[in-house]
N, C-alpha and C. Protein backbone atom coordinates (compact mmCIF):
# COMPACT_ATOMS: atom_id res chain seq x y z
N MET A 1 0.96 -1.23 0.13
CA MET A 1 -0.04 0.18 -0.02
C MET A 1 1.04 1.44 0.25
N ASN A 2 1.83 0.99 0.98
CA ASN A 2 2.95 2.41 1.10
C ASN A 2 3.28 2.42 -0.23
N ASP A 3 4.08 1.42 -0.84
CA ASP A 3 4.80 1.68 -2.41
C ASP A 3 3.80 1.94 -3.18
N HIS A 4 2.56 1.62 -2.90
CA HIS A 4 1.72 2.25 -4.52
C HIS A 4 1.10 3.78 -4.37
N LEU A 5 1.18 4.09 -3.19
CA LEU A 5 1.11 5.43 -2.48
C LEU A 5 2.64 6.26 -3.09
N LEU A 6 3.55 5.64 -3.15
CA LEU A 6 4.77 6.20 -3.04
C LEU A 6 4.97 6.34 -4.88
N ASN A 7 4.37 5.34 -5.56
CA ASN A 7 4.54 5.41 -6.65
C ASN A 7 3.67 6.48 -7.71
N LEU A 8 2.62 6.80 -6.83
CA LEU A 8 1.30 7.65 -7.13
C LEU A 8 2.02 9.00 -7.18
N ARG A 9 2.80 9.37 -5.81
CA ARG A 9 3.55 10.61 -5.34
C ARG A 9 4.51 10.99 -6.61
N ASN A 10 5.38 9.91 -6.60
CA ASN A 10 6.49 10.15 -7.93
C ASN A 10 5.44 10.21 -9.02
N LEU A 11 4.98 9.87 -9.25
CA LEU A 11 4.12 10.12 -10.85
C LEU A 11 3.68 11.41 -10.92
N PHE A 12 3.12 11.78 -9.80
CA PHE A 12 2.42 13.16 -9.52
C PHE A 12 3.55 14.69 -9.75
N GLN A 13 4.51 14.03 -9.03
CA GLN A 13 5.82 14.81 -8.85
C GLN A 13 6.58 15.37 -10.35
N ASP A 14 6.32 13.68 -11.13
CA ASP A 14 6.83 14.09 -12.30
C ASP A 14 5.74 14.86 -13.21
N TRP A 15 5.05 14.80 -12.52
CA TRP A 15 3.45 15.19 -13.78
C TRP A 15 3.55 16.51 -13.40
N TYR A 16 3.68 16.82 -12.08
CA TYR A 16 3.94 18.72 -11.84
C TYR A 16 4.88 19.07 -12.34
N ASP A 17 6.31 18.08 -12.19
CA ASP A 17 7.29 19.24 -12.56
C ASP A 17 7.23 19.49 -14.13
N GLY A 18 6.92 18.46 -14.73
CA GLY A 18 6.43 19.06 -16.52
C GLY A 18 5.49 19.94 -16.47
N LEU A 19 4.59 19.63 -15.65
CA LEU A 19 3.47 20.97 -15.63
C LEU A 19 4.27 22.08 -15.48
N GLN A 20 4.93 22.78 -14.42
CA GLN A 20 6.00 23.61 -14.49
C GLN A 20 6.65 24.06 -15.66
N PHE A 21 7.47 22.93 -16.23
CA PHE A 21 8.09 23.51 -17.56
C PHE A 21 7.18 24.11 -18.51
N SER A 22 5.96 23.01 -18.45
CA SER A 22 5.17 23.67 -19.87
C SER A 22 4.62 25.17 -19.22
N ILE A 23 4.54 25.45 -18.18
CA ILE A 23 4.24 27.18 -17.69
C ILE A 23 4.77 28.07 -17.95
N LEU A 24 6.45 27.83 -17.69
CA LEU A 24 7.19 28.39 -18.59
C LEU A 24 7.37 28.61 -19.75
N HIS A 25 6.98 27.80 -20.43
CA HIS A 25 7.34 27.80 -21.96
C HIS A 25 5.67 28.44 -22.49
N LYS A 26 4.39 28.57 -21.35
CA LYS A 26 3.52 28.87 -22.09
C LYS A 26 3.50 30.66 -21.71
N ARG A 27 4.29 30.71 -20.60
CA ARG A 27 4.49 32.51 -20.42
C ARG A 27 5.30 32.84 -21.20
N ALA A 28 6.48 32.35 -21.90
CA ALA A 28 7.48 32.89 -22.72
C ALA A 28 6.61 32.86 -24.36
N PHE A 29 5.47 31.78 -24.39
CA PHE A 29 4.75 32.42 -25.53
C PHE A 29 3.60 33.14 -25.65
N ALA A 30 2.91 33.44 -24.20
CA ALA A 30 2.39 34.10 -24.27
C ALA A 30 3.04 35.51 -24.31
N ILE A 31 4.22 36.11 -23.97
CA ILE A 31 4.93 37.08 -23.81
C ILE A 31 5.01 37.80 -25.51
N ILE A 32 5.33 36.73 -25.78
CA ILE A 32 5.69 36.64 -27.64
C ILE A 32 4.56 36.91 -28.22
N ALA A 33 2.88 36.14 -27.48
CA ALA A 33 2.42 36.21 -28.50
C ALA A 33 1.25 37.82 -28.56
N ALA A 34 2.26 38.32 -26.78
CA ALA A 34 1.40 39.61 -26.53
C ALA A 34 1.77 40.83 -27.59
N ILE A 35 3.36 40.34 -27.84
CA ILE A 35 4.30 41.30 -28.36
C ILE A 35 3.79 41.65 -29.81
N VAL A 36 3.18 40.28 -30.32
CA VAL A 36 2.96 39.92 -31.81
C VAL A 36 1.96 40.68 -31.88
N LEU A 37 0.85 40.68 -30.89
CA LEU A 37 -0.75 41.12 -30.92
C LEU A 37 -0.78 42.92 -30.97
N LEU A 38 0.35 43.49 -30.09
CA LEU A 38 0.26 44.48 -29.76
C LEU A 38 1.17 45.25 -31.42
N THR A 39 1.94 44.65 -31.40
CA THR A 39 2.85 45.22 -32.94
C THR A 39 1.47 45.54 -33.90
N SER A 40 0.67 44.26 -34.00
CA SER A 40 -0.18 44.33 -35.28
C SER A 40 -1.53 44.97 -35.21
N ALA A 41 -1.57 45.34 -33.87
CA ALA A 41 -2.82 46.59 -33.40
C ALA A 41 -2.64 47.43 -33.78
N LEU A 42 -0.61 48.06 -33.30
CA LEU A 42 -0.30 49.39 -33.92
C LEU A 42 -0.16 49.56 -35.47
N ILE A 43 -0.17 48.62 -35.71
CA ILE A 43 0.15 48.30 -37.40
C ILE A 43 -1.24 48.97 -38.27
N LEU A 44 -2.32 48.44 -37.41
CA LEU A 44 -3.89 48.28 -37.93
C LEU A 44 -4.23 49.35 -37.42
N THR A 45 -4.06 50.16 -36.73
CA THR A 45 -4.54 51.71 -35.93
C THR A 45 -3.96 52.78 -37.11
N ARG A 46 -2.12 52.27 -37.04
CA ARG A 46 -1.86 53.41 -38.13
C ARG A 46 -2.24 53.60 -39.45
N GLY A 47 -2.85 52.00 -39.82
CA GLY A 47 -3.33 52.11 -41.22
C GLY A 47 -4.53 52.75 -41.41
N HIS A 48 -5.66 52.97 -40.08
CA HIS A 48 -6.69 53.42 -40.20
C HIS A 48 -6.89 54.55 -39.45
N SER A 49 -5.89 55.13 -39.39
CA SER A 49 -6.02 56.38 -38.69
C SER A 49 -6.43 57.84 -39.38
N THR A 50 -6.79 59.14 -38.78
CA THR A 50 -7.17 59.82 -39.73
C THR A 50 -6.34 60.16 -41.06
N PRO A 51 -6.11 60.56 -42.17
CA PRO A 51 -5.30 60.72 -42.94
C PRO A 51 -5.10 62.47 -42.86
N ILE A 52 -3.70 62.64 -43.46
CA ILE A 52 -3.58 63.72 -42.74
C ILE A 52 -3.56 65.12 -43.87
N VAL A 53 -4.67 66.25 -43.56
CA VAL A 53 -4.80 66.86 -44.99
C VAL A 53 -4.34 68.25 -44.73
N ILE A 54 -3.37 68.11 -46.22
CA ILE A 54 -2.74 69.22 -46.67
C ILE A 54 -3.39 70.23 -46.88
N ALA A 55 -3.01 71.56 -46.47
CA ALA A 55 -3.76 72.95 -46.72
C ALA A 55 -3.35 73.23 -47.74
N GLN A 56 -4.22 73.13 -49.00
CA GLN A 56 -3.31 74.09 -50.05
C GLN A 56 -3.06 75.67 -50.12
N PRO A 57 -2.41 75.85 -50.44
CA PRO A 57 -2.11 77.82 -50.33
C PRO A 57 -2.63 78.68 -50.81
N ALA A 58 -3.31 79.74 -50.51
CA ALA A 58 -3.96 80.13 -51.16
C ALA A 58 -3.57 80.99 -52.13
N ALA A 59 -4.33 81.41 -53.02
CA ALA A 59 -4.19 81.73 -54.43
C ALA A 59 -3.56 83.15 -54.13
N VAL A 60 -2.23 83.73 -54.50
CA VAL A 60 -1.94 84.83 -54.25
C VAL A 60 -2.06 85.83 -55.65
N THR A 61 -3.10 86.86 -55.48
CA THR A 61 -3.33 87.72 -56.40
C THR A 61 -2.40 88.59 -56.67
N MET A 62 -1.31 88.61 -58.03
CA MET A 62 -0.11 89.36 -58.33
C MET A 62 -0.70 90.38 -58.84
N VAL A 63 -0.01 91.59 -58.30
CA VAL A 63 -0.67 92.89 -58.69
C VAL A 63 0.31 93.75 -59.55
N ALA A 64 -0.05 93.80 -60.83
CA ALA A 64 1.04 94.37 -62.06
C ALA A 64 1.99 95.73 -61.48
N PRO A 65 3.21 95.68 -61.65
CA PRO A 65 3.35 97.38 -61.16
C PRO A 65 3.17 98.67 -62.27
N THR A 66 2.82 99.41 -61.47
CA THR A 66 2.43 100.41 -62.74
C THR A 66 3.53 101.80 -62.61
N LEU A 67 3.39 102.43 -63.51
CA LEU A 67 4.04 103.43 -63.60
C LEU A 67 3.53 104.95 -63.79
N VAL A 68 3.43 105.70 -62.95
CA VAL A 68 2.66 107.52 -63.48
C VAL A 68 3.52 107.89 -64.01
N VAL A 69 3.10 108.81 -65.11
CA VAL A 69 3.64 109.58 -65.83
C VAL A 69 2.33 110.54 -66.34
N ASP A 70 3.16 112.09 -66.31
CA ASP A 70 2.77 113.42 -66.88
C ASP A 70 2.71 113.39 -68.18
N VAL A 71 1.58 113.53 -69.09
CA VAL A 71 1.83 113.42 -70.27
C VAL A 71 1.35 115.22 -70.71
N ALA A 72 1.94 115.96 -71.00
CA ALA A 72 1.75 117.26 -71.65
C ALA A 72 1.92 117.94 -73.02
N GLY A 73 1.50 119.23 -73.19
CA GLY A 73 2.05 119.47 -74.27
C GLY A 73 0.90 119.17 -75.28
N GLY A 74 1.27 118.88 -76.60
CA GLY A 74 0.59 118.61 -78.20
C GLY A 74 0.01 117.15 -77.86
N VAL A 75 -0.72 117.34 -76.81
CA VAL A 75 -1.60 115.74 -77.12
C VAL A 75 -2.97 116.03 -76.59
N ARG A 76 -3.54 114.98 -76.92
CA ARG A 76 -5.19 115.45 -77.22
C ARG A 76 -5.96 115.59 -75.79
N LYS A 77 -5.34 114.84 -74.47
CA LYS A 77 -5.82 115.07 -73.28
C LYS A 77 -4.95 114.59 -72.36
N PRO A 78 -4.24 116.10 -72.09
CA PRO A 78 -3.11 116.23 -71.28
C PRO A 78 -3.05 115.64 -69.72
N GLY A 79 -2.60 115.22 -69.27
CA GLY A 79 -2.76 114.98 -67.83
C GLY A 79 -2.06 113.70 -67.04
N VAL A 80 -2.07 113.21 -66.18
CA VAL A 80 -1.20 112.14 -65.30
C VAL A 80 -2.28 110.67 -65.76
N TYR A 81 -1.28 110.18 -66.26
CA TYR A 81 -1.91 108.90 -65.99
C TYR A 81 -0.93 107.61 -65.98
N SER A 82 -1.62 106.56 -65.53
CA SER A 82 -1.14 105.24 -64.98
C SER A 82 -0.92 103.85 -66.36
N LEU A 83 0.50 103.67 -66.36
CA LEU A 83 0.94 102.57 -67.11
C LEU A 83 1.45 101.66 -66.88
N PRO A 84 1.01 100.64 -67.96
CA PRO A 84 1.83 99.12 -67.11
C PRO A 84 3.60 99.20 -67.50
N ALA A 85 4.26 98.39 -66.42
CA ALA A 85 5.49 98.46 -66.90
C ALA A 85 6.25 98.12 -67.76
N ASN A 86 7.06 98.58 -68.29
CA ASN A 86 7.59 98.26 -69.49
C ASN A 86 6.87 99.11 -70.94
N SER A 87 6.10 99.98 -70.16
CA SER A 87 5.57 101.01 -71.42
C SER A 87 6.43 101.91 -71.99
N ARG A 88 5.96 102.44 -73.23
CA ARG A 88 7.32 103.55 -73.89
C ARG A 88 6.21 104.43 -73.97
N VAL A 89 7.04 105.91 -74.90
CA VAL A 89 6.36 106.91 -74.84
C VAL A 89 5.75 106.43 -75.68
N THR A 90 5.62 106.33 -76.48
CA THR A 90 4.34 105.84 -77.62
C THR A 90 2.96 105.69 -77.15
N ASP A 91 3.35 104.88 -75.70
CA ASP A 91 2.24 104.13 -75.09
C ASP A 91 1.63 105.27 -74.62
N ALA A 92 2.54 106.36 -74.03
CA ALA A 92 1.88 107.03 -73.08
C ALA A 92 1.48 108.38 -74.14
N ILE A 93 1.76 108.23 -75.03
CA ILE A 93 1.07 109.50 -75.96
C ILE A 93 0.03 108.74 -76.09
N SER A 94 -0.35 107.50 -76.38
CA SER A 94 -1.64 107.27 -76.99
C SER A 94 -2.83 107.02 -75.47
N ALA A 95 -1.98 106.90 -74.63
CA ALA A 95 -2.84 107.01 -73.16
C ALA A 95 -3.34 108.63 -72.62
N ALA A 96 -2.83 109.36 -73.37
CA ALA A 96 -2.81 110.76 -73.52
C ALA A 96 -4.24 110.94 -74.84
N GLY A 97 -4.84 110.38 -75.65
CA GLY A 97 -5.10 110.47 -76.29
C GLY A 97 -4.79 110.55 -77.81
N GLY A 98 -3.47 110.80 -77.85
CA GLY A 98 -2.84 110.60 -79.02
C GLY A 98 -2.13 112.23 -79.22
N ALA A 99 -1.35 111.81 -80.77
CA ALA A 99 -0.84 113.46 -80.49
C ALA A 99 -1.67 114.48 -81.01
N ARG A 100 -1.84 115.74 -80.88
CA ARG A 100 -2.66 116.46 -81.94
C ARG A 100 -2.03 116.81 -83.41
N LYS A 101 -2.96 116.92 -84.24
CA LYS A 101 -2.35 116.83 -85.46
C LYS A 101 -1.33 118.70 -85.27
N GLY A 102 -0.32 118.14 -86.32
CA GLY A 102 0.65 119.28 -86.39
C GLY A 102 1.86 118.94 -84.84
N ALA A 103 1.44 118.34 -84.01
CA ALA A 103 2.77 118.76 -82.51
C ALA A 103 3.86 117.68 -83.64
N ASP A 104 5.18 118.46 -82.78
CA ASP A 104 6.04 117.82 -83.03
C ASP A 104 6.36 116.98 -82.50
N THR A 105 6.47 115.60 -83.13
CA THR A 105 7.08 114.13 -82.45
C THR A 105 8.75 114.28 -82.39
N SER A 106 9.36 115.12 -83.54
CA SER A 106 10.20 114.49 -84.20
C SER A 106 11.63 114.79 -82.72
N GLU A 107 11.30 114.81 -81.66
CA GLU A 107 12.42 115.85 -80.76
C GLU A 107 12.63 114.63 -79.29
N VAL A 108 11.28 113.64 -79.44
CA VAL A 108 10.94 112.68 -78.78
C VAL A 108 11.35 111.18 -79.34
N ASN A 109 11.99 110.24 -78.04
CA ASN A 109 12.22 109.45 -78.87
C ASN A 109 10.93 108.36 -78.29
N LEU A 110 10.13 108.27 -79.49
CA LEU A 110 8.72 106.88 -78.97
C LEU A 110 9.11 105.76 -78.86
N ALA A 111 10.18 104.98 -78.53
CA ALA A 111 10.52 103.47 -78.60
C ALA A 111 11.46 103.87 -77.29
N ARG A 112 11.63 104.69 -76.36
CA ARG A 112 12.33 104.93 -75.11
C ARG A 112 10.80 104.09 -73.62
N MET A 113 11.61 103.46 -72.85
CA MET A 113 10.68 102.76 -72.09
C MET A 113 10.48 104.28 -70.97
N VAL A 114 9.53 104.57 -70.54
CA VAL A 114 8.85 105.43 -69.30
C VAL A 114 9.85 104.71 -68.18
N ARG A 115 9.63 106.37 -67.38
CA ARG A 115 10.24 106.10 -65.69
C ARG A 115 8.95 106.85 -65.08
N ASP A 116 8.68 105.97 -63.88
CA ASP A 116 8.12 106.48 -63.31
C ASP A 116 8.14 108.03 -62.74
N GLY A 117 7.11 108.79 -62.82
CA GLY A 117 7.07 110.21 -62.10
C GLY A 117 7.74 110.89 -62.93
N GLU A 118 8.05 110.49 -64.50
CA GLU A 118 8.43 111.53 -65.23
C GLU A 118 7.99 112.51 -65.82
N GLN A 119 7.79 113.57 -66.91
CA GLN A 119 6.80 114.03 -67.57
C GLN A 119 7.44 113.62 -68.96
N ILE A 120 6.52 113.66 -70.12
CA ILE A 120 6.56 113.32 -71.41
C ILE A 120 6.08 114.41 -72.36
N TYR A 121 6.61 115.48 -72.80
CA TYR A 121 6.22 116.86 -73.29
C TYR A 121 6.10 116.55 -74.66
N LEU A 122 5.50 116.79 -75.28
CA LEU A 122 5.80 117.35 -77.20
C LEU A 122 4.97 118.66 -77.08
N GLU A 123 5.90 118.76 -78.47
CA GLU A 123 5.83 120.53 -79.07
C GLU A 123 4.46 120.58 -79.55
N PRO A 124 3.47 121.17 -78.94
CA PRO A 124 2.32 121.91 -79.50
C PRO A 124 2.48 122.29 -80.58
N PRO A 125 1.15 122.03 -81.80
CA PRO A 125 1.22 122.81 -82.97
C PRO A 125 1.26 123.92 -82.96
N VAL A 126 1.93 124.60 -83.81
CA VAL A 126 1.37 125.81 -84.55
C VAL A 126 0.30 126.42 -84.32
N SER A 127 0.01 127.61 -83.93
CA SER A 127 -1.57 127.74 -83.89
C SER A 127 -1.82 128.55 -85.29
N ALA A 128 -2.88 127.74 -85.14
CA ALA A 128 -3.41 128.49 -86.51
C ALA A 128 -3.82 129.84 -86.70
N THR A 129 -3.70 130.81 -85.85
CA THR A 129 -3.86 132.29 -86.03
C THR A 129 -2.93 132.83 -85.90
N SER A 130 -1.36 132.28 -85.88
CA SER A 130 0.00 132.85 -85.97
C SER A 130 0.03 133.42 -87.29
N PRO A 131 0.69 134.94 -87.42
CA PRO A 131 0.89 136.16 -88.53
C PRO A 131 0.86 135.37 -89.51
N LYS A 132 0.63 135.74 -90.71
CA LYS A 132 0.84 135.27 -92.17
C LYS A 132 1.85 135.53 -92.66
N PHE A 133 3.08 136.98 -92.03
CA PHE A 133 4.09 136.75 -92.61
C PHE A 133 4.97 135.89 -92.13
N MET A 134 6.18 135.70 -92.62
CA MET A 134 6.98 134.67 -92.24
C MET A 134 7.83 135.90 -91.62
N PRO A 135 8.70 135.46 -90.38
CA PRO A 135 9.70 136.57 -89.72
C PRO A 135 11.20 136.08 -90.21
N THR A 136 12.02 137.45 -90.47
CA THR A 136 13.22 136.84 -91.09
C THR A 136 13.59 136.02 -89.68
N THR A 137 15.28 135.61 -90.11
CA THR A 137 16.28 134.98 -89.04
C THR A 137 16.62 135.79 -88.39
N SER A 138 16.92 136.81 -88.65
CA SER A 138 17.23 137.53 -87.62
C SER A 138 16.24 137.94 -86.36
N SER A 139 14.92 137.84 -87.00
CA SER A 139 13.61 138.77 -86.08
C SER A 139 13.54 137.25 -85.14
N ARG A 140 13.63 136.05 -85.94
CA ARG A 140 13.40 134.70 -85.13
C ARG A 140 13.80 134.50 -84.24
N SER A 141 15.42 135.10 -84.50
CA SER A 141 16.77 135.02 -83.32
C SER A 141 16.03 135.74 -82.24
N SER A 142 16.22 137.33 -82.51
CA SER A 142 15.60 138.05 -81.14
C SER A 142 14.54 137.85 -80.65
N ASN A 143 13.49 137.28 -81.36
CA ASN A 143 12.49 136.79 -80.26
C ASN A 143 12.36 135.76 -79.87
N SER A 144 13.11 134.70 -79.98
CA SER A 144 13.54 133.52 -79.12
C SER A 144 14.63 134.01 -78.33
N SER A 145 15.72 134.82 -78.46
CA SER A 145 16.37 135.44 -77.31
C SER A 145 15.24 136.19 -76.09
N ARG A 146 14.33 136.83 -76.68
CA ARG A 146 13.68 137.66 -75.60
C ARG A 146 12.69 136.54 -74.80
N THR A 147 12.29 135.69 -75.76
CA THR A 147 11.50 134.87 -74.75
C THR A 147 12.53 133.90 -73.72
N THR A 148 13.37 133.60 -74.25
CA THR A 148 14.32 132.90 -73.43
C THR A 148 14.66 133.78 -72.13
N ARG A 149 15.29 135.04 -72.29
CA ARG A 149 14.99 135.93 -71.20
C ARG A 149 13.89 136.07 -70.38
N ALA A 150 13.00 136.15 -71.14
CA ALA A 150 11.46 136.67 -70.40
C ALA A 150 11.25 135.21 -69.52
N ASN A 151 11.55 133.98 -69.68
CA ASN A 151 11.19 132.84 -69.26
C ASN A 151 12.05 132.57 -68.26
N GLY A 152 13.32 133.00 -68.02
CA GLY A 152 14.53 132.96 -67.23
C GLY A 152 15.38 131.47 -68.15
N PRO A 153 15.59 130.64 -67.08
CA PRO A 153 16.17 129.28 -67.27
C PRO A 153 15.80 128.26 -68.36
N ILE A 154 16.70 128.24 -68.87
CA ILE A 154 16.30 127.29 -70.24
C ILE A 154 15.77 125.72 -69.55
N ASN A 155 14.36 125.14 -69.88
CA ASN A 155 14.57 123.83 -69.61
C ASN A 155 15.09 122.91 -70.26
N ILE A 156 16.14 121.81 -69.94
CA ILE A 156 16.64 121.56 -70.53
C ILE A 156 16.01 119.74 -70.89
N ASN A 157 14.95 119.89 -70.62
CA ASN A 157 14.14 118.57 -70.73
C ASN A 157 13.38 118.60 -71.95
N ARG A 158 13.09 119.78 -72.27
CA ARG A 158 12.30 120.17 -73.57
C ARG A 158 12.92 121.33 -74.43
N ALA A 159 14.08 121.80 -74.63
CA ALA A 159 14.68 122.80 -75.21
C ALA A 159 15.29 121.66 -76.53
N SER A 160 15.27 122.39 -77.61
CA SER A 160 15.56 121.98 -79.10
C SER A 160 17.25 122.12 -79.11
N GLU A 161 17.82 122.05 -79.79
CA GLU A 161 19.06 122.00 -79.93
C GLU A 161 19.42 123.56 -80.36
N LYS A 162 18.50 124.41 -81.08
CA LYS A 162 19.18 125.67 -81.10
C LYS A 162 19.15 126.35 -79.83
N GLU A 163 18.11 126.06 -79.34
CA GLU A 163 17.77 126.74 -77.64
C GLU A 163 19.01 126.37 -77.01
N LEU A 164 19.33 125.28 -77.09
CA LEU A 164 21.03 124.73 -76.33
C LEU A 164 21.86 125.20 -76.76
N GLU A 165 21.91 125.64 -77.86
CA GLU A 165 23.55 126.36 -78.05
C GLU A 165 23.59 127.79 -77.48
N SER A 166 22.42 128.21 -77.26
CA SER A 166 22.36 129.36 -76.65
C SER A 166 23.12 129.71 -75.33
N LEU A 167 22.94 128.59 -74.57
CA LEU A 167 23.75 128.06 -73.44
C LEU A 167 25.27 128.74 -73.69
N PRO A 168 26.18 129.33 -72.46
CA PRO A 168 27.25 129.79 -72.53
C PRO A 168 28.03 128.17 -72.69
N GLY A 169 29.25 128.12 -73.61
CA GLY A 169 29.60 127.25 -74.06
C GLY A 169 29.16 125.75 -74.34
N ILE A 170 28.09 126.00 -74.80
CA ILE A 170 27.27 124.85 -75.71
C ILE A 170 27.52 125.17 -76.97
N GLY A 171 28.15 124.68 -77.72
CA GLY A 171 28.08 124.74 -79.35
C GLY A 171 27.11 123.84 -79.92
N PRO A 172 27.28 123.45 -81.25
CA PRO A 172 26.66 122.46 -81.44
C PRO A 172 26.70 121.05 -81.53
N VAL A 173 27.65 121.10 -81.42
CA VAL A 173 28.52 119.62 -80.98
C VAL A 173 27.50 118.76 -79.52
N LEU A 174 27.99 119.88 -78.73
CA LEU A 174 27.62 119.72 -77.31
C LEU A 174 26.03 119.70 -77.44
N ALA A 175 25.33 120.30 -78.05
CA ALA A 175 23.96 120.95 -77.89
C ALA A 175 23.32 119.10 -78.48
N LEU A 176 23.66 118.70 -79.51
CA LEU A 176 23.39 117.40 -80.06
C LEU A 176 24.01 116.41 -78.72
N LYS A 177 24.67 116.43 -78.49
CA LYS A 177 25.10 115.30 -76.99
C LYS A 177 24.05 115.21 -76.21
N ILE A 178 23.94 116.77 -75.60
CA ILE A 178 22.82 116.85 -74.89
C ILE A 178 21.57 116.41 -74.88
N PHE A 179 21.04 116.95 -76.44
CA PHE A 179 19.64 116.18 -77.01
C PHE A 179 19.70 114.52 -77.32
N THR A 180 20.67 114.13 -77.50
CA THR A 180 20.48 112.53 -77.69
C THR A 180 20.76 111.95 -76.69
N TYR A 181 21.56 112.37 -75.47
CA TYR A 181 21.53 112.16 -74.17
C TYR A 181 20.14 111.89 -73.64
N ARG A 182 19.49 112.64 -73.74
CA ARG A 182 18.09 112.69 -73.18
C ARG A 182 16.89 112.33 -73.89
N ASN A 183 17.45 111.83 -75.23
CA ASN A 183 16.40 110.85 -75.89
C ASN A 183 17.11 109.50 -75.67
N VAL A 184 17.94 108.97 -75.24
CA VAL A 184 17.92 107.70 -75.06
C VAL A 184 18.11 107.51 -73.57
N ASN A 185 18.39 108.02 -72.72
CA ASN A 185 18.51 108.09 -71.44
C ASN A 185 17.16 108.63 -70.74
N GLY A 186 16.38 109.31 -70.80
CA GLY A 186 15.35 110.11 -70.49
C GLY A 186 15.46 111.21 -70.10
N PRO A 187 14.52 111.97 -69.63
CA PRO A 187 14.78 113.07 -68.92
C PRO A 187 15.47 113.46 -67.90
N PHE A 188 16.12 114.63 -67.77
CA PHE A 188 17.22 114.44 -66.56
C PHE A 188 16.49 115.23 -65.50
N THR A 189 16.81 114.33 -64.42
CA THR A 189 15.88 114.47 -63.26
C THR A 189 16.48 115.88 -62.49
N ARG A 190 17.56 116.36 -62.54
CA ARG A 190 18.13 117.21 -61.70
C ARG A 190 19.42 117.73 -62.87
N ILE A 191 19.89 119.42 -62.53
CA ILE A 191 20.41 120.26 -63.61
C ILE A 191 21.96 119.13 -63.80
N GLU A 192 22.24 119.02 -62.39
CA GLU A 192 23.82 117.97 -62.51
C GLU A 192 23.69 116.80 -63.29
N ASP A 193 22.63 116.24 -63.74
CA ASP A 193 23.20 115.49 -64.41
C ASP A 193 23.46 115.52 -65.79
N LEU A 194 23.83 116.78 -66.33
CA LEU A 194 24.16 117.95 -67.77
C LEU A 194 26.03 116.91 -67.85
N GLN A 195 26.22 116.90 -66.11
CA GLN A 195 27.78 116.40 -65.98
C GLN A 195 27.78 115.31 -66.50
N LYS A 196 26.70 114.30 -66.48
CA LYS A 196 27.04 112.88 -67.49
C LYS A 196 27.35 113.15 -68.88
N VAL A 197 27.07 114.02 -69.88
CA VAL A 197 26.93 114.10 -70.97
C VAL A 197 28.67 114.15 -71.30
N SER A 198 28.88 113.57 -71.97
CA SER A 198 30.32 113.83 -72.46
C SER A 198 30.68 115.06 -72.89
N GLY A 199 31.94 115.66 -72.12
CA GLY A 199 32.42 117.28 -72.90
C GLY A 199 32.12 118.28 -71.83
N ILE A 200 30.70 117.77 -70.80
CA ILE A 200 30.48 118.76 -70.02
C ILE A 200 31.18 118.53 -68.31
N GLY A 201 31.95 119.40 -68.15
CA GLY A 201 32.78 119.11 -66.75
C GLY A 201 32.21 120.21 -65.97
N SER A 202 33.08 119.96 -64.68
CA SER A 202 32.63 120.93 -63.58
C SER A 202 32.95 122.45 -63.62
N ALA A 203 33.68 122.78 -64.64
CA ALA A 203 33.68 123.94 -64.95
C ALA A 203 32.90 124.95 -65.68
N LYS A 204 32.61 123.96 -67.01
CA LYS A 204 31.51 124.03 -68.10
C LYS A 204 30.03 124.12 -67.33
N PHE A 205 29.89 123.27 -66.25
CA PHE A 205 28.75 123.05 -65.76
C PHE A 205 28.54 124.25 -64.85
N ALA A 206 29.31 124.79 -64.03
CA ALA A 206 29.44 125.67 -63.10
C ALA A 206 29.24 127.07 -63.94
N ALA A 207 29.54 127.61 -65.76
CA ALA A 207 29.02 128.48 -66.14
C ALA A 207 27.50 128.36 -66.61
N LEU A 208 27.11 127.60 -66.59
CA LEU A 208 25.80 127.50 -67.04
C LEU A 208 24.66 126.92 -66.07
N LYS A 209 24.83 126.49 -65.15
CA LYS A 209 24.04 126.03 -64.59
C LYS A 209 22.96 126.91 -63.44
N THR A 210 23.23 127.96 -63.40
CA THR A 210 22.07 129.32 -63.05
C THR A 210 20.99 129.60 -63.82
N LYS A 211 21.43 128.96 -65.61
CA LYS A 211 20.79 129.21 -66.92
C LYS A 211 20.10 128.17 -67.49
N VAL A 212 19.97 126.83 -66.44
CA VAL A 212 19.21 125.65 -67.16
C VAL A 212 18.07 125.67 -65.73
N ARG A 213 17.23 124.79 -66.28
CA ARG A 213 16.51 124.06 -65.16
C ARG A 213 15.83 122.87 -65.50
N VAL A 214 15.05 122.04 -64.99
CA VAL A 214 14.34 120.54 -65.44
C VAL A 214 12.83 121.02 -64.81
């Protein structure tokens, strides 16, 4: 009887020891399974997460730069006009209604690009009520001289070549250089800019600076 119980005890001990070994394995398997399940859950959660919405940038309205110019003289509608960037003198004249019949455009570079804030001046047409007789050269010269003296300094942005020649130290060659420089580079913004013309140094400018204006 005792031997039988001892055998049962030994069998139970062996079974228990085997059960303990199995539990350790089960715990290890449980931990591994938990890790696998957790990883799968994270993957599934990310796969079904709310998609990220990328906001589209708001449309930006580009405002084209404009130039403001004063168009005066022999145009149909003198005034201040706003023009698109890169506009030319001919565009400014067109904005002012075009040149009046008989207006002199020969002294204006129509292809030149305008600058913001400048004045574009066309010589107005000769009045239809002008005297019928033609003045002699001497009378025209004296009238021009009287007009120049009465009006004060010469506007170097409007003066013709002949008017520029009346300035001290300015002959036909320098008058042409001033006229050409003005047509190519646009109106002078200050009288000191005359020194940018080849042939006009500080001494020559000092002699004529009181006789010119812009």
